[in-house]
N, C-alpha and C. Protein backbone atom coordinates (compact mmCIF):
# COMPACT_ATOMS: atom_id res chain seq x y z
N MET A 1 -0.50 12.68 15.23
CA MET A 1 -0.20 11.67 14.24
C MET A 1 -0.13 12.31 12.85
N SER A 2 0.83 11.91 12.09
CA SER A 2 1.03 12.47 10.76
C SER A 2 -0.04 11.99 9.79
N ASP A 3 -0.39 12.85 8.85
CA ASP A 3 -1.34 12.46 7.81
C ASP A 3 -0.64 11.76 6.66
N SER A 4 0.67 11.76 6.67
CA SER A 4 1.39 11.18 5.55
C SER A 4 1.41 9.65 5.65
N VAL A 5 1.73 9.02 4.54
CA VAL A 5 1.90 7.58 4.48
C VAL A 5 3.39 7.32 4.34
N ILE A 6 3.91 6.39 5.10
CA ILE A 6 5.33 6.06 5.08
C ILE A 6 5.54 4.75 4.34
N VAL A 7 6.50 4.74 3.44
CA VAL A 7 6.91 3.52 2.75
C VAL A 7 8.27 3.15 3.33
N THR A 8 8.37 1.97 3.94
CA THR A 8 9.63 1.56 4.56
C THR A 8 10.68 1.26 3.48
N ASP A 9 11.94 1.17 3.91
CA ASP A 9 13.02 0.82 2.99
C ASP A 9 12.78 -0.53 2.33
N ARG A 10 12.33 -1.52 3.13
CA ARG A 10 12.07 -2.87 2.58
C ARG A 10 10.98 -2.83 1.52
N ALA A 11 9.89 -2.10 1.80
CA ALA A 11 8.80 -2.01 0.83
C ALA A 11 9.26 -1.29 -0.43
N ALA A 12 9.99 -0.19 -0.27
CA ALA A 12 10.47 0.56 -1.43
C ALA A 12 11.37 -0.30 -2.31
N LYS A 13 12.25 -1.06 -1.69
CA LYS A 13 13.16 -1.92 -2.44
C LYS A 13 12.38 -2.97 -3.23
N ARG A 14 11.39 -3.61 -2.59
CA ARG A 14 10.61 -4.65 -3.26
C ARG A 14 9.75 -4.05 -4.38
N ILE A 15 9.15 -2.90 -4.14
CA ILE A 15 8.34 -2.24 -5.17
C ILE A 15 9.22 -1.88 -6.37
N ALA A 16 10.40 -1.35 -6.12
CA ALA A 16 11.32 -0.99 -7.22
C ALA A 16 11.69 -2.24 -8.03
N GLU A 17 11.90 -3.38 -7.35
CA GLU A 17 12.22 -4.63 -8.04
C GLU A 17 11.05 -5.07 -8.92
N ILE A 18 9.84 -4.98 -8.39
CA ILE A 18 8.65 -5.38 -9.15
C ILE A 18 8.48 -4.49 -10.37
N LEU A 19 8.59 -3.17 -10.17
CA LEU A 19 8.42 -2.23 -11.28
C LEU A 19 9.48 -2.41 -12.36
N ALA A 20 10.70 -2.78 -11.95
CA ALA A 20 11.78 -2.98 -12.92
C ALA A 20 11.48 -4.15 -13.85
N ASP A 21 10.70 -5.13 -13.37
CA ASP A 21 10.37 -6.31 -14.17
C ASP A 21 9.12 -6.14 -15.02
N GLU A 22 8.40 -5.03 -14.86
CA GLU A 22 7.14 -4.80 -15.57
C GLU A 22 7.26 -3.57 -16.46
N ALA A 23 7.44 -3.78 -17.75
CA ALA A 23 7.68 -2.67 -18.67
C ALA A 23 6.53 -1.66 -18.70
N ALA A 24 5.29 -2.13 -18.63
CA ALA A 24 4.13 -1.22 -18.74
C ALA A 24 3.81 -0.50 -17.44
N ALA A 25 4.32 -1.01 -16.34
CA ALA A 25 3.99 -0.43 -15.03
C ALA A 25 5.05 0.57 -14.61
N LYS A 26 4.59 1.75 -14.22
CA LYS A 26 5.50 2.79 -13.74
C LYS A 26 5.25 3.14 -12.28
N ALA A 27 4.14 2.60 -11.71
CA ALA A 27 3.81 2.93 -10.33
C ALA A 27 3.09 1.75 -9.67
N PHE A 28 3.13 1.76 -8.36
CA PHE A 28 2.50 0.75 -7.52
C PHE A 28 1.35 1.44 -6.79
N ARG A 29 0.12 1.07 -7.13
CA ARG A 29 -1.06 1.71 -6.53
C ARG A 29 -1.52 0.93 -5.31
N ILE A 30 -1.75 1.66 -4.21
CA ILE A 30 -2.34 1.10 -3.01
C ILE A 30 -3.70 1.76 -2.84
N SER A 31 -4.74 0.93 -2.72
CA SER A 31 -6.08 1.47 -2.55
C SER A 31 -6.83 0.68 -1.49
N VAL A 32 -7.95 1.25 -1.06
CA VAL A 32 -8.82 0.61 -0.08
C VAL A 32 -10.18 0.42 -0.74
N GLU A 33 -10.70 -0.80 -0.63
CA GLU A 33 -12.01 -1.11 -1.21
C GLU A 33 -12.90 -1.71 -0.13
N GLY A 34 -14.19 -1.62 -0.34
CA GLY A 34 -15.12 -2.29 0.54
C GLY A 34 -15.03 -3.79 0.32
N GLY A 35 -15.24 -4.57 1.38
CA GLY A 35 -15.20 -6.03 1.27
C GLY A 35 -14.19 -6.63 2.20
N GLY A 36 -13.93 -7.88 2.03
CA GLY A 36 -13.00 -8.58 2.90
C GLY A 36 -13.68 -9.02 4.18
N CYS A 37 -12.98 -9.78 4.98
CA CYS A 37 -13.53 -10.33 6.22
C CYS A 37 -13.96 -9.25 7.21
N SER A 38 -13.27 -8.13 7.22
CA SER A 38 -13.49 -7.12 8.25
C SER A 38 -14.14 -5.84 7.75
N GLY A 39 -14.57 -5.78 6.52
CA GLY A 39 -15.28 -4.60 6.02
C GLY A 39 -14.56 -3.83 4.93
N PHE A 40 -13.25 -3.66 5.05
CA PHE A 40 -12.44 -2.99 4.03
C PHE A 40 -11.26 -3.88 3.72
N GLN A 41 -10.72 -3.73 2.52
CA GLN A 41 -9.52 -4.50 2.18
C GLN A 41 -8.54 -3.64 1.39
N TYR A 42 -7.27 -3.96 1.55
CA TYR A 42 -6.22 -3.28 0.81
C TYR A 42 -6.08 -3.95 -0.55
N LYS A 43 -5.82 -3.13 -1.56
CA LYS A 43 -5.60 -3.65 -2.90
C LYS A 43 -4.30 -3.06 -3.42
N PHE A 44 -3.49 -3.89 -4.05
CA PHE A 44 -2.21 -3.48 -4.61
C PHE A 44 -2.23 -3.76 -6.11
N ASP A 45 -1.92 -2.75 -6.92
CA ASP A 45 -1.93 -2.89 -8.37
C ASP A 45 -0.70 -2.24 -8.98
N LEU A 46 -0.29 -2.75 -10.13
CA LEU A 46 0.72 -2.10 -10.95
C LEU A 46 -0.01 -1.28 -11.99
N VAL A 47 0.34 -0.01 -12.10
CA VAL A 47 -0.36 0.90 -13.01
C VAL A 47 0.64 1.69 -13.86
N PRO A 48 0.17 2.23 -15.01
CA PRO A 48 1.06 2.98 -15.88
C PRO A 48 1.52 4.32 -15.30
N GLY A 49 0.77 4.87 -14.36
CA GLY A 49 1.15 6.16 -13.77
C GLY A 49 0.11 6.63 -12.78
N ALA A 50 0.30 7.84 -12.31
CA ALA A 50 -0.58 8.43 -11.31
C ALA A 50 -1.70 9.22 -11.97
N ALA A 51 -2.84 9.28 -11.31
CA ALA A 51 -3.92 10.17 -11.72
C ALA A 51 -3.60 11.57 -11.19
N ASP A 52 -4.27 12.58 -11.72
CA ASP A 52 -3.98 13.97 -11.37
C ASP A 52 -4.10 14.26 -9.87
N ASP A 53 -5.05 13.62 -9.18
CA ASP A 53 -5.26 13.94 -7.77
C ASP A 53 -4.67 12.90 -6.81
N ASP A 54 -3.84 11.98 -7.31
CA ASP A 54 -3.20 10.98 -6.46
C ASP A 54 -2.11 11.59 -5.59
N LEU A 55 -1.93 11.02 -4.42
CA LEU A 55 -0.73 11.27 -3.62
C LEU A 55 0.35 10.41 -4.25
N VAL A 56 1.50 10.99 -4.53
CA VAL A 56 2.61 10.26 -5.13
C VAL A 56 3.77 10.24 -4.14
N LEU A 57 4.21 9.04 -3.80
CA LEU A 57 5.34 8.85 -2.90
C LEU A 57 6.47 8.19 -3.70
N GLU A 58 7.66 8.79 -3.64
CA GLU A 58 8.80 8.21 -4.36
C GLU A 58 9.93 7.99 -3.38
N ARG A 59 10.48 6.76 -3.44
CA ARG A 59 11.57 6.43 -2.53
C ARG A 59 12.39 5.30 -3.15
N GLU A 60 13.67 5.50 -3.25
CA GLU A 60 14.63 4.49 -3.70
C GLU A 60 14.18 3.78 -4.98
N GLY A 61 13.73 4.53 -5.96
CA GLY A 61 13.32 3.96 -7.24
C GLY A 61 11.90 3.42 -7.27
N ALA A 62 11.20 3.51 -6.15
CA ALA A 62 9.82 3.05 -6.08
C ALA A 62 8.88 4.24 -6.17
N LYS A 63 7.82 4.09 -6.96
CA LYS A 63 6.80 5.13 -7.07
C LYS A 63 5.48 4.52 -6.60
N VAL A 64 4.94 5.05 -5.51
CA VAL A 64 3.69 4.56 -4.92
C VAL A 64 2.64 5.65 -5.10
N VAL A 65 1.45 5.27 -5.57
CA VAL A 65 0.36 6.23 -5.74
C VAL A 65 -0.85 5.78 -4.94
N ILE A 66 -1.54 6.77 -4.36
CA ILE A 66 -2.72 6.50 -3.53
C ILE A 66 -3.78 7.52 -3.91
N ASP A 67 -5.00 7.04 -4.22
CA ASP A 67 -6.09 7.95 -4.57
C ASP A 67 -6.59 8.66 -3.30
N GLN A 68 -7.29 9.78 -3.49
CA GLN A 68 -7.71 10.62 -2.37
C GLN A 68 -8.69 9.91 -1.42
N VAL A 69 -9.60 9.10 -1.96
CA VAL A 69 -10.54 8.38 -1.08
C VAL A 69 -9.78 7.39 -0.21
N SER A 70 -8.88 6.61 -0.80
CA SER A 70 -8.10 5.63 -0.04
C SER A 70 -7.18 6.32 0.97
N LEU A 71 -6.68 7.50 0.61
CA LEU A 71 -5.80 8.23 1.51
C LEU A 71 -6.50 8.54 2.83
N GLY A 72 -7.81 8.78 2.78
CA GLY A 72 -8.56 9.01 4.01
C GLY A 72 -8.49 7.84 4.97
N PHE A 73 -8.38 6.62 4.43
CA PHE A 73 -8.27 5.42 5.26
C PHE A 73 -6.83 5.11 5.63
N LEU A 74 -5.89 5.58 4.82
CA LEU A 74 -4.48 5.20 4.97
C LEU A 74 -3.61 6.26 5.63
N SER A 75 -4.14 7.45 5.90
CA SER A 75 -3.29 8.50 6.46
C SER A 75 -2.66 8.03 7.77
N GLY A 76 -1.39 8.29 7.91
CA GLY A 76 -0.64 7.88 9.10
C GLY A 76 -0.15 6.45 9.06
N SER A 77 -0.44 5.73 7.97
CA SER A 77 -0.06 4.32 7.87
C SER A 77 1.38 4.14 7.42
N GLU A 78 1.89 2.96 7.70
CA GLU A 78 3.21 2.56 7.23
C GLU A 78 3.04 1.35 6.31
N ILE A 79 3.61 1.44 5.11
CA ILE A 79 3.58 0.33 4.17
C ILE A 79 4.92 -0.39 4.29
N ASP A 80 4.86 -1.68 4.61
CA ASP A 80 6.08 -2.46 4.82
C ASP A 80 6.03 -3.71 3.95
N PHE A 81 7.18 -4.34 3.76
CA PHE A 81 7.26 -5.61 3.06
C PHE A 81 7.86 -6.61 4.02
N VAL A 82 7.17 -7.74 4.19
CA VAL A 82 7.60 -8.77 5.13
C VAL A 82 7.94 -10.03 4.34
N ASP A 83 9.06 -10.63 4.66
CA ASP A 83 9.47 -11.89 4.05
C ASP A 83 9.92 -12.80 5.18
N ASP A 84 9.01 -13.67 5.63
CA ASP A 84 9.33 -14.54 6.76
C ASP A 84 8.80 -15.95 6.50
N LEU A 85 8.74 -16.78 7.52
CA LEU A 85 8.29 -18.15 7.36
C LEU A 85 6.84 -18.26 6.88
N MET A 86 6.05 -17.22 7.13
CA MET A 86 4.64 -17.22 6.72
C MET A 86 4.48 -16.81 5.26
N GLY A 87 5.54 -16.31 4.65
CA GLY A 87 5.49 -15.90 3.25
C GLY A 87 6.00 -14.49 3.06
N ALA A 88 5.93 -14.01 1.84
CA ALA A 88 6.36 -12.67 1.49
C ALA A 88 5.13 -11.86 1.09
N PHE A 89 4.95 -10.69 1.71
CA PHE A 89 3.75 -9.90 1.45
C PHE A 89 3.96 -8.46 1.90
N PHE A 90 3.13 -7.58 1.34
CA PHE A 90 3.10 -6.19 1.79
C PHE A 90 2.15 -6.11 2.98
N ARG A 91 2.57 -5.38 4.01
CA ARG A 91 1.76 -5.21 5.20
C ARG A 91 1.51 -3.72 5.41
N VAL A 92 0.27 -3.38 5.72
CA VAL A 92 -0.09 -2.00 6.03
C VAL A 92 -0.31 -1.91 7.53
N ASN A 93 0.53 -1.13 8.19
CA ASN A 93 0.36 -0.86 9.62
C ASN A 93 -0.47 0.41 9.72
N ASN A 94 -1.78 0.21 9.93
CA ASN A 94 -2.74 1.30 9.85
C ASN A 94 -3.23 1.68 11.24
N PRO A 95 -2.94 2.92 11.69
CA PRO A 95 -3.36 3.33 13.04
C PRO A 95 -4.88 3.50 13.17
N HIS A 96 -5.59 3.57 12.04
CA HIS A 96 -7.05 3.74 12.07
C HIS A 96 -7.80 2.42 12.19
N ALA A 97 -7.13 1.31 11.91
CA ALA A 97 -7.79 0.00 11.93
C ALA A 97 -8.07 -0.41 13.37
N THR A 98 -9.33 -0.72 13.65
CA THR A 98 -9.70 -1.18 15.00
C THR A 98 -9.68 -2.69 15.08
N ALA A 99 -9.75 -3.37 13.94
CA ALA A 99 -9.68 -4.83 13.88
C ALA A 99 -9.18 -5.22 12.50
N SER A 100 -8.58 -6.38 12.41
CA SER A 100 -8.16 -6.90 11.11
C SER A 100 -8.34 -8.40 11.12
N CYS A 101 -8.38 -8.97 9.93
CA CYS A 101 -8.58 -10.42 9.82
C CYS A 101 -7.23 -11.13 9.94
N GLY A 102 -7.28 -12.42 10.03
CA GLY A 102 -6.06 -13.21 10.17
C GLY A 102 -5.13 -13.11 8.99
N CYS A 103 -5.68 -12.90 7.79
CA CYS A 103 -4.83 -12.82 6.60
C CYS A 103 -4.13 -11.46 6.48
N GLY A 104 -4.60 -10.46 7.23
CA GLY A 104 -3.95 -9.16 7.24
C GLY A 104 -4.27 -8.25 6.08
N THR A 105 -5.16 -8.67 5.18
CA THR A 105 -5.46 -7.83 4.04
C THR A 105 -6.78 -7.08 4.21
N SER A 106 -7.54 -7.37 5.23
CA SER A 106 -8.77 -6.62 5.45
C SER A 106 -8.80 -6.07 6.86
N PHE A 107 -9.60 -5.01 7.06
CA PHE A 107 -9.63 -4.32 8.33
C PHE A 107 -10.95 -3.61 8.52
N SER A 108 -11.20 -3.18 9.75
CA SER A 108 -12.37 -2.36 10.02
C SER A 108 -11.91 -1.10 10.77
N ILE A 109 -12.76 -0.10 10.74
CA ILE A 109 -12.44 1.18 11.37
C ILE A 109 -13.49 1.47 12.43
């Protein structure tokens, strides 16, 4: 399994659209925090740029940054954007997650 994080075309397109509308934001940060229904939760933020030790992923005008601690939880994951009858949201397909909650934003390892 790859240690890299994959940003799908749909996610990259949506992130680029969001960043284009936010003058102060130059990057989309994905992080993992303690909490949520299942122990950990994904957090998405708009930030001015990357920190020195961030993983930086660039695709189709989208700049995604992930800190080193979160990368340990996210390695091998796919970041996707879903727009269906249930709503529009970013989904993390994480091979390390052993369980997740119904809302899809928290997980356990």
